[in-house]
Amino acid sequence: MFKPILITAHLQCSIICDPWLPLDGILLYEACRRHYGGGPEASIPGRGSLNVSEKAPTLPLLLMRDGGFRYYSCSFAEWGQPYSEGRDHWNKRDDVDKHLQLLSAETKRIETGKGRYKAYHMPVFYRVAPFVRWWAVGDAADVQDLLSGVSHIGKKRMYGWGSVLRWEVEEVEQDHSLIWDGKPQRSLPVTDRIYELVAETRQIFWGYYPPYYDHRNQAECYLPSRIRLAEAGGEG
């Protein structure tokens, strides 16, 4: 039986991500990786990811249905305090002198402003917190098992960003997964049912089901009005 749960990722370093960092997307990635045995065909995002995600195993979370919409009973991220944000860069620059030695004598220069050897100095925005957590309704043991294979979250994971020290999944009394005190805790499609439950009516075209970048999983949604910070010394 699904019960209210609180899922916490204790962090080793900063995460490159937006403030919402949907956990159901992380779980779907891991479910696809396990189901398809890894490889690029199981990657989300990546080639073939939309078809893969449609055939992915069901996540151990309560799936809500409202008319033609479906979404998991799982909140967006709630950040531990102290919390901060920052900006860094990733860089790419080839050794053009070395490449010139391998090319014909007629080649005088290598174009680094575009094409294959283009140089990059790209900003990335990261978030710093001791932990990040999510409220959900699901099976605590199955969620814990699925997360046991997730060592990093967010973007640029192969470079060490988003390293998770440990995961904690515990059953709780309160359910903050969808709406709490009239405030949406995640993206919720604009429907008559949700309209009657929310006091905040901020609306934006957004994803409501993973993978969130798929236009088929996007619609006009209610969205939290601000970054959610965990209250010190309590459940939030």
C-alpha atoms as a PDB file:
ATOM      1  CA  MET A   1       0.000   0.000   0.000  1.00  0.00           C
ATOM      2  CA  PHE A   2       1.320   3.454  -0.940  1.00  0.00           C
ATOM      3  CA  LYS A   3       1.882   5.826   1.986  1.00  0.00           C
ATOM      4  CA  PRO A   4       3.154   9.403   2.404  1.00  0.00           C
ATOM      5  CA  ILE A   5       6.950   9.378   2.330  1.00  0.00           C
ATOM      6  CA  LEU A   6       9.783  11.889   2.611  1.00  0.00           C
ATOM      7  CA  ILE A   7      12.800  11.325   0.356  1.00  0.00           C
ATOM      8  CA  THR A   8      16.072  13.080   1.185  1.00  0.00           C
ATOM      9  CA  ALA A   9      19.319  13.270  -0.769  1.00  0.00           C
ATOM     10  CA  HIS A  10      22.258  14.287   1.438  1.00  0.00           C
ATOM     11  CA  LEU A  11      24.636  16.138  -0.845  1.00  0.00           C
ATOM     12  CA  GLN A  12      28.399  16.085  -1.164  1.00  0.00           C
ATOM     13  CA  CYS A  13      28.618  19.063  -3.504  1.00  0.00           C
ATOM     14  CA  SER A  14      26.611  21.539  -5.578  1.00  0.00           C
ATOM     15  CA  ILE A  15      23.980  20.588  -8.159  1.00  0.00           C
ATOM     16  CA  ILE A  16      23.551  22.082 -11.623  1.00  0.00           C
ATOM     17  CA  CYS A  17      19.778  22.174 -12.033  1.00  0.00           C
ATOM     18  CA  ASP A  18      16.670  24.339 -11.982  1.00  0.00           C
ATOM     19  CA  PRO A  19      15.009  24.997  -8.600  1.00  0.00           C
ATOM     20  CA  TRP A  20      12.348  22.312  -9.152  1.00  0.00           C
ATOM     21  CA  LEU A  21      14.545  19.220  -9.819  1.00  0.00           C
ATOM     22  CA  PRO A  22      11.630  16.725 -10.230  1.00  0.00           C
ATOM     23  CA  LEU A  23      12.356  13.434  -8.491  1.00  0.00           C
ATOM     24  CA  ASP A  24       9.974  11.422 -10.679  1.00  0.00           C
ATOM     25  CA  GLY A  25      12.235  12.254 -13.621  1.00  0.00           C
ATOM     26  CA  ILE A  26      15.267  10.940 -11.713  1.00  0.00           C
ATOM     27  CA  LEU A  27      13.391   7.768 -10.816  1.00  0.00           C
ATOM     28  CA  LEU A  28      12.240   7.275 -14.409  1.00  0.00           C
ATOM     29  CA  TYR A  29      15.827   7.579 -15.639  1.00  0.00           C
ATOM     30  CA  GLU A  30      16.980   4.895 -13.205  1.00  0.00           C
ATOM     31  CA  ALA A  31      13.980   2.655 -13.970  1.00  0.00           C
ATOM     32  CA  CYS A  32      14.757   2.824 -17.703  1.00  0.00           C
ATOM     33  CA  ARG A  33      18.462   2.197 -17.092  1.00  0.00           C
ATOM     34  CA  ARG A  34      17.665  -0.942 -15.117  1.00  0.00           C
ATOM     35  CA  HIS A  35      14.928  -2.160 -17.440  1.00  0.00           C
ATOM     36  CA  TYR A  36      16.981  -1.754 -20.622  1.00  0.00           C
ATOM     37  CA  GLY A  37      20.353  -2.649 -19.114  1.00  0.00           C
ATOM     38  CA  GLY A  38      21.955   0.746 -19.638  1.00  0.00           C
ATOM     39  CA  GLY A  39      23.376   2.018 -22.911  1.00  0.00           C
ATOM     40  CA  PRO A  40      22.394   5.076 -24.973  1.00  0.00           C
ATOM     41  CA  GLU A  41      18.979   3.634 -25.888  1.00  0.00           C
ATOM     42  CA  ALA A  42      17.969   3.893 -22.196  1.00  0.00           C
ATOM     43  CA  SER A  43      19.216   7.429 -21.728  1.00  0.00           C
ATOM     44  CA  ILE A  44      16.871  10.245 -20.738  1.00  0.00           C
ATOM     45  CA  PRO A  45      17.403  12.684 -22.313  1.00  0.00           C
ATOM     46  CA  GLY A  46      18.960  11.101 -25.384  1.00  0.00           C
ATOM     47  CA  ARG A  47      18.155   9.383 -28.629  1.00  0.00           C
ATOM     48  CA  GLY A  48      15.153   7.135 -28.406  1.00  0.00           C
ATOM     49  CA  SER A  49      14.396   8.263 -24.854  1.00  0.00           C
ATOM     50  CA  LEU A  50      10.777   9.200 -25.591  1.00  0.00           C
ATOM     51  CA  ASN A  51       9.921   5.729 -26.878  1.00  0.00           C
ATOM     52  CA  VAL A  52      11.859   4.124 -24.033  1.00  0.00           C
ATOM     53  CA  SER A  53      10.105   6.164 -21.350  1.00  0.00           C
ATOM     54  CA  GLU A  54       6.676   5.228 -22.723  1.00  0.00           C
ATOM     55  CA  LYS A  55       7.541   1.546 -22.187  1.00  0.00           C
ATOM     56  CA  ALA A  56       9.355   2.049 -18.866  1.00  0.00           C
ATOM     57  CA  PRO A  57       8.337   0.101 -15.763  1.00  0.00           C
ATOM     58  CA  THR A  58       5.774   1.747 -13.509  1.00  0.00           C
ATOM     59  CA  LEU A  59       7.388   3.835 -10.791  1.00  0.00           C
ATOM     60  CA  PRO A  60       6.689   3.006  -7.133  1.00  0.00           C
ATOM     61  CA  LEU A  61       4.737   6.258  -6.757  1.00  0.00           C
ATOM     62  CA  LEU A  62       1.031   6.994  -6.728  1.00  0.00           C
ATOM     63  CA  LEU A  63      -0.053   7.940 -10.260  1.00  0.00           C
ATOM     64  CA  MET A  64      -2.784  10.575 -10.304  1.00  0.00           C
ATOM     65  CA  ARG A  65      -5.232  10.908 -13.193  1.00  0.00           C
ATOM     66  CA  ASP A  66      -7.312  14.002 -13.859  1.00  0.00           C
ATOM     67  CA  GLY A  67      -9.208  13.892 -17.140  1.00  0.00           C
ATOM     68  CA  GLY A  68      -6.643  13.410 -19.877  1.00  0.00           C
ATOM     69  CA  PHE A  69      -3.715  14.260 -17.588  1.00  0.00           C
ATOM     70  CA  ARG A  70      -1.539  11.980 -15.486  1.00  0.00           C
ATOM     71  CA  TYR A  71       1.154  12.919 -12.999  1.00  0.00           C
ATOM     72  CA  TYR A  72       2.915  11.350 -10.048  1.00  0.00           C
ATOM     73  CA  SER A  73       2.138  12.247  -6.465  1.00  0.00           C
ATOM     74  CA  CYS A  74       5.625  13.623  -5.902  1.00  0.00           C
ATOM     75  CA  SER A  75       6.574  17.192  -5.038  1.00  0.00           C
ATOM     76  CA  PHE A  76       9.264  19.318  -6.603  1.00  0.00           C
ATOM     77  CA  ALA A  77      12.498  19.858  -4.661  1.00  0.00           C
ATOM     78  CA  GLU A  78      12.608  21.387  -1.200  1.00  0.00           C
ATOM     79  CA  TRP A  79      16.095  22.695  -0.408  1.00  0.00           C
ATOM     80  CA  GLY A  80      17.851  22.425   2.928  1.00  0.00           C
ATOM     81  CA  GLN A  81      19.349  25.447   4.610  1.00  0.00           C
ATOM     82  CA  PRO A  82      21.771  27.166   4.432  1.00  0.00           C
ATOM     83  CA  TYR A  83      20.967  27.503   0.733  1.00  0.00           C
ATOM     84  CA  SER A  84      22.783  29.487  -1.942  1.00  0.00           C
ATOM     85  CA  GLU A  85      23.178  29.786  -5.703  1.00  0.00           C
ATOM     86  CA  GLY A  86      26.153  30.449  -7.939  1.00  0.00           C
ATOM     87  CA  ARG A  87      27.556  30.402 -11.454  1.00  0.00           C
ATOM     88  CA  ASP A  88      30.492  28.515 -12.933  1.00  0.00           C
ATOM     89  CA  HIS A  89      31.593  27.663 -16.484  1.00  0.00           C
ATOM     90  CA  TRP A  90      32.479  24.627 -18.507  1.00  0.00           C
ATOM     91  CA  ASN A  91      35.102  24.990 -21.216  1.00  0.00           C
ATOM     92  CA  LYS A  92      36.102  23.210 -24.384  1.00  0.00           C
ATOM     93  CA  ARG A  93      39.166  24.127 -26.391  1.00  0.00           C
ATOM     94  CA  ASP A  94      41.073  21.829 -28.728  1.00  0.00           C
ATOM     95  CA  ASP A  95      44.839  21.878 -29.184  1.00  0.00           C
ATOM     96  CA  VAL A  96      44.693  23.482 -32.644  1.00  0.00           C
ATOM     97  CA  ASP A  97      48.490  23.497 -33.088  1.00  0.00           C
ATOM     98  CA  LYS A  98      48.550  19.712 -32.682  1.00  0.00           C
ATOM     99  CA  HIS A  99      45.723  19.309 -35.212  1.00  0.00           C
ATOM    100  CA  LEU A 100      47.500  21.542 -37.736  1.00  0.00           C
ATOM    101  CA  GLN A 101      50.511  19.211 -37.709  1.00  0.00           C
ATOM    102  CA  LEU A 102      48.269  16.340 -38.750  1.00  0.00           C
ATOM    103  CA  LEU A 103      46.608  18.220 -41.598  1.00  0.00           C
ATOM    104  CA  SER A 104      47.876  19.101 -45.050  1.00  0.00           C
ATOM    105  CA  ALA A 105      50.429  21.834 -45.597  1.00  0.00           C
ATOM    106  CA  GLU A 106      47.778  23.979 -47.318  1.00  0.00           C
ATOM    107  CA  THR A 107      45.821  24.306 -44.050  1.00  0.00           C
ATOM    108  CA  LYS A 108      46.873  27.589 -42.440  1.00  0.00           C
ATOM    109  CA  ARG A 109      44.411  27.768 -39.562  1.00  0.00           C
ATOM    110  CA  ILE A 110      41.590  25.879 -37.859  1.00  0.00           C
ATOM    111  CA  GLU A 111      38.265  27.607 -37.373  1.00  0.00           C
ATOM    112  CA  THR A 112      37.488  27.741 -33.625  1.00  0.00           C
ATOM    113  CA  GLY A 113      34.486  30.052 -33.883  1.00  0.00           C
ATOM    114  CA  LYS A 114      32.175  27.405 -35.314  1.00  0.00           C
ATOM    115  CA  GLY A 115      32.040  23.819 -36.464  1.00  0.00           C
ATOM    116  CA  ARG A 116      33.818  20.758 -35.078  1.00  0.00           C
ATOM    117  CA  TYR A 117      36.610  22.626 -33.315  1.00  0.00           C
ATOM    118  CA  LYS A 118      34.481  25.443 -31.880  1.00  0.00           C
ATOM    119  CA  ALA A 119      35.723  26.672 -28.497  1.00  0.00           C
ATOM    120  CA  TYR A 120      33.208  26.972 -25.656  1.00  0.00           C
ATOM    121  CA  HIS A 121      33.062  28.962 -22.430  1.00  0.00           C
ATOM    122  CA  MET A 122      29.542  28.207 -21.241  1.00  0.00           C
ATOM    123  CA  PRO A 123      27.978  29.328 -17.943  1.00  0.00           C
ATOM    124  CA  VAL A 124      26.242  26.843 -15.656  1.00  0.00           C
ATOM    125  CA  PHE A 125      24.115  27.793 -12.668  1.00  0.00           C
ATOM    126  CA  TYR A 126      24.348  25.656  -9.567  1.00  0.00           C
ATOM    127  CA  ARG A 127      22.641  25.352  -6.184  1.00  0.00           C
ATOM    128  CA  VAL A 128      24.300  24.692  -2.836  1.00  0.00           C
ATOM    129  CA  ALA A 129      22.514  23.041   0.089  1.00  0.00           C
ATOM    130  CA  PRO A 130      23.291  20.351   2.693  1.00  0.00           C
ATOM    131  CA  PHE A 131      20.375  18.298   1.401  1.00  0.00           C
ATOM    132  CA  VAL A 132      17.426  18.351  -0.962  1.00  0.00           C
ATOM    133  CA  ARG A 133      14.187  16.492  -0.319  1.00  0.00           C
ATOM    134  CA  TRP A 134      10.868  15.604  -1.874  1.00  0.00           C
ATOM    135  CA  TRP A 135       7.443  14.639  -0.518  1.00  0.00           C
ATOM    136  CA  ALA A 136       5.650  11.786  -2.228  1.00  0.00           C
ATOM    137  CA  VAL A 137       3.090   9.030  -1.885  1.00  0.00           C
ATOM    138  CA  GLY A 138       4.577   5.663  -2.731  1.00  0.00           C
ATOM    139  CA  ASP A 139       6.298   2.513  -1.560  1.00  0.00           C
ATOM    140  CA  ALA A 140       9.240   3.503   0.649  1.00  0.00           C
ATOM    141  CA  ALA A 141      11.178   0.248   0.194  1.00  0.00           C
ATOM    142  CA  ASP A 142      10.857   0.210  -3.596  1.00  0.00           C
ATOM    143  CA  VAL A 143      11.820   3.900  -3.871  1.00  0.00           C
ATOM    144  CA  GLN A 144      14.865   3.296  -1.654  1.00  0.00           C
ATOM    145  CA  ASP A 145      15.890   0.344  -3.818  1.00  0.00           C
ATOM    146  CA  LEU A 146      15.525   2.344  -7.026  1.00  0.00           C
ATOM    147  CA  LEU A 147      17.555   5.239  -5.630  1.00  0.00           C
ATOM    148  CA  SER A 148      20.356   2.929  -4.458  1.00  0.00           C
ATOM    149  CA  GLY A 149      21.765   3.083  -7.992  1.00  0.00           C
ATOM    150  CA  VAL A 150      21.640   6.897  -8.213  1.00  0.00           C
ATOM    151  CA  SER A 151      24.977   8.409  -7.136  1.00  0.00           C
ATOM    152  CA  HIS A 152      24.651  11.817  -8.845  1.00  0.00           C
ATOM    153  CA  ILE A 153      21.740  14.084  -9.798  1.00  0.00           C
ATOM    154  CA  GLY A 154      21.356  17.173 -11.985  1.00  0.00           C
ATOM    155  CA  LYS A 155      23.498  18.077 -14.987  1.00  0.00           C
ATOM    156  CA  LYS A 156      27.223  17.521 -15.676  1.00  0.00           C
ATOM    157  CA  ARG A 157      27.234  14.459 -13.443  1.00  0.00           C
ATOM    158  CA  MET A 158      30.239  12.905 -15.187  1.00  0.00           C
ATOM    159  CA  TYR A 159      32.314  15.855 -13.974  1.00  0.00           C
ATOM    160  CA  GLY A 160      31.343  15.222 -10.354  1.00  0.00           C
ATOM    161  CA  TRP A 161      28.513  17.710  -9.937  1.00  0.00           C
ATOM    162  CA  GLY A 162      25.485  16.595  -7.913  1.00  0.00           C
ATOM    163  CA  SER A 163      27.193  13.857  -5.920  1.00  0.00           C
ATOM    164  CA  VAL A 164      24.865  12.256  -3.354  1.00  0.00           C
ATOM    165  CA  LEU A 165      26.378  10.978  -0.097  1.00  0.00           C
ATOM    166  CA  ARG A 166      23.315   8.929   0.825  1.00  0.00           C
ATOM    167  CA  TRP A 167      19.567   8.649   0.331  1.00  0.00           C
ATOM    168  CA  GLU A 168      16.968   8.452   3.076  1.00  0.00           C
ATOM    169  CA  VAL A 169      13.362   7.387   2.517  1.00  0.00           C
ATOM    170  CA  GLU A 170      10.985   7.445   5.479  1.00  0.00           C
ATOM    171  CA  GLU A 171       7.260   7.178   6.031  1.00  0.00           C
ATOM    172  CA  VAL A 172       5.638  10.357   7.394  1.00  0.00           C
ATOM    173  CA  GLU A 173       2.201  11.405   8.614  1.00  0.00           C
ATOM    174  CA  GLN A 174       1.611  14.425   6.377  1.00  0.00           C
ATOM    175  CA  ASP A 175       1.223  14.418   2.620  1.00  0.00           C
ATOM    176  CA  HIS A 176       2.861  17.458   0.976  1.00  0.00           C
ATOM    177  CA  SER A 177       3.250  15.821  -2.421  1.00  0.00           C
ATOM    178  CA  LEU A 178       0.736  17.822  -4.473  1.00  0.00           C
ATOM    179  CA  ILE A 179      -0.879  20.698  -2.572  1.00  0.00           C
ATOM    180  CA  TRP A 180      -0.171  22.018   0.908  1.00  0.00           C
ATOM    181  CA  ASP A 181      -1.902  24.967   2.540  1.00  0.00           C
ATOM    182  CA  GLY A 182      -3.435  25.871  -0.816  1.00  0.00           C
ATOM    183  CA  LYS A 183      -0.030  26.030  -2.520  1.00  0.00           C
ATOM    184  CA  PRO A 184       0.985  23.709  -5.387  1.00  0.00           C
ATOM    185  CA  GLN A 185       4.026  21.651  -4.469  1.00  0.00           C
ATOM    186  CA  ARG A 186       4.766  20.683  -8.061  1.00  0.00           C
ATOM    187  CA  SER A 187       3.480  21.414 -11.566  1.00  0.00           C
ATOM    188  CA  LEU A 188      -0.227  20.574 -11.753  1.00  0.00           C
ATOM    189  CA  PRO A 189      -2.270  20.800 -14.966  1.00  0.00           C
ATOM    190  CA  VAL A 190      -4.941  23.486 -14.878  1.00  0.00           C
ATOM    191  CA  THR A 191      -8.202  21.581 -14.397  1.00  0.00           C
ATOM    192  CA  ASP A 192     -11.460  22.251 -12.558  1.00  0.00           C
ATOM    193  CA  ARG A 193     -10.459  19.767  -9.850  1.00  0.00           C
ATOM    194  CA  ILE A 194      -7.137  21.466  -9.118  1.00  0.00           C
ATOM    195  CA  TYR A 195      -8.644  24.952  -9.386  1.00  0.00           C
ATOM    196  CA  GLU A 196     -10.884  24.197  -6.419  1.00  0.00           C
ATOM    197  CA  LEU A 197      -7.902  23.151  -4.280  1.00  0.00           C
ATOM    198  CA  VAL A 198      -5.250  25.816  -4.896  1.00  0.00           C
ATOM    199  CA  ALA A 199      -5.174  29.341  -3.482  1.00  0.00           C
ATOM    200  CA  GLU A 200      -2.169  30.425  -5.561  1.00  0.00           C
ATOM    201  CA  THR A 201      -3.047  30.682  -9.234  1.00  0.00           C
ATOM    202  CA  ARG A 202       0.336  31.283 -10.891  1.00  0.00           C
ATOM    203  CA  GLN A 203       0.107  29.580 -14.278  1.00  0.00           C
ATOM    204  CA  ILE A 204       2.793  28.750 -16.813  1.00  0.00           C
ATOM    205  CA  PHE A 205       3.203  26.352 -19.724  1.00  0.00           C
ATOM    206  CA  TRP A 206       5.253  23.569 -18.159  1.00  0.00           C
ATOM    207  CA  GLY A 207       5.880  19.828 -18.035  1.00  0.00           C
ATOM    208  CA  TYR A 208       3.814  17.733 -15.632  1.00  0.00           C
ATOM    209  CA  TYR A 209       5.053  14.185 -16.361  1.00  0.00           C
ATOM    210  CA  PRO A 210       8.547  12.843 -17.128  1.00  0.00           C
ATOM    211  CA  PRO A 211      10.339  13.327 -19.401  1.00  0.00           C
ATOM    212  CA  TYR A 212       9.373  16.962 -18.865  1.00  0.00           C
ATOM    213  CA  TYR A 213      10.935  18.182 -22.117  1.00  0.00           C
ATOM    214  CA  ASP A 214       8.501  16.106 -24.211  1.00  0.00           C
ATOM    215  CA  HIS A 215       5.853  18.451 -25.613  1.00  0.00           C
ATOM    216  CA  ARG A 216       3.274  15.696 -25.161  1.00  0.00           C
ATOM    217  CA  ASN A 217       3.811  15.980 -21.405  1.00  0.00           C
ATOM    218  CA  GLN A 218       3.400  19.766 -21.282  1.00  0.00           C
ATOM    219  CA  ALA A 219       0.367  21.950 -20.675  1.00  0.00           C
ATOM    220  CA  GLU A 220      -0.789  25.060 -18.833  1.00  0.00           C
ATOM    221  CA  CYS A 221       0.079  24.278 -15.208  1.00  0.00           C
ATOM    222  CA  TYR A 222      -0.091  25.693 -11.715  1.00  0.00           C
ATOM    223  CA  LEU A 223       3.471  26.056 -10.445  1.00  0.00           C
ATOM    224  CA  PRO A 224       5.003  26.941  -7.052  1.00  0.00           C
ATOM    225  CA  SER A 225       5.467  30.682  -6.811  1.00  0.00           C
ATOM    226  CA  ARG A 226       8.962  30.516  -5.285  1.00  0.00           C
ATOM    227  CA  ILE A 227      11.864  28.225  -4.456  1.00  0.00           C
ATOM    228  CA  ARG A 228      10.850  25.945  -1.599  1.00  0.00           C
ATOM    229  CA  LEU A 229      13.193  25.899   1.403  1.00  0.00           C
ATOM    230  CA  ALA A 230      12.954  23.309   4.160  1.00  0.00           C
ATOM    231  CA  GLU A 231      12.108  24.636   7.600  1.00  0.00           C
ATOM    232  CA  ALA A 232      14.893  24.030  10.088  1.00  0.00           C
ATOM    233  CA  GLY A 233      14.145  21.443  12.736  1.00  0.00           C
ATOM    234  CA  GLY A 234      10.902  20.166  11.292  1.00  0.00           C
ATOM    235  CA  GLU A 235       9.243  18.305   8.461  1.00  0.00           C
ATOM    236  CA  GLY A 236       8.613  21.486   6.464  1.00  0.00           C
END
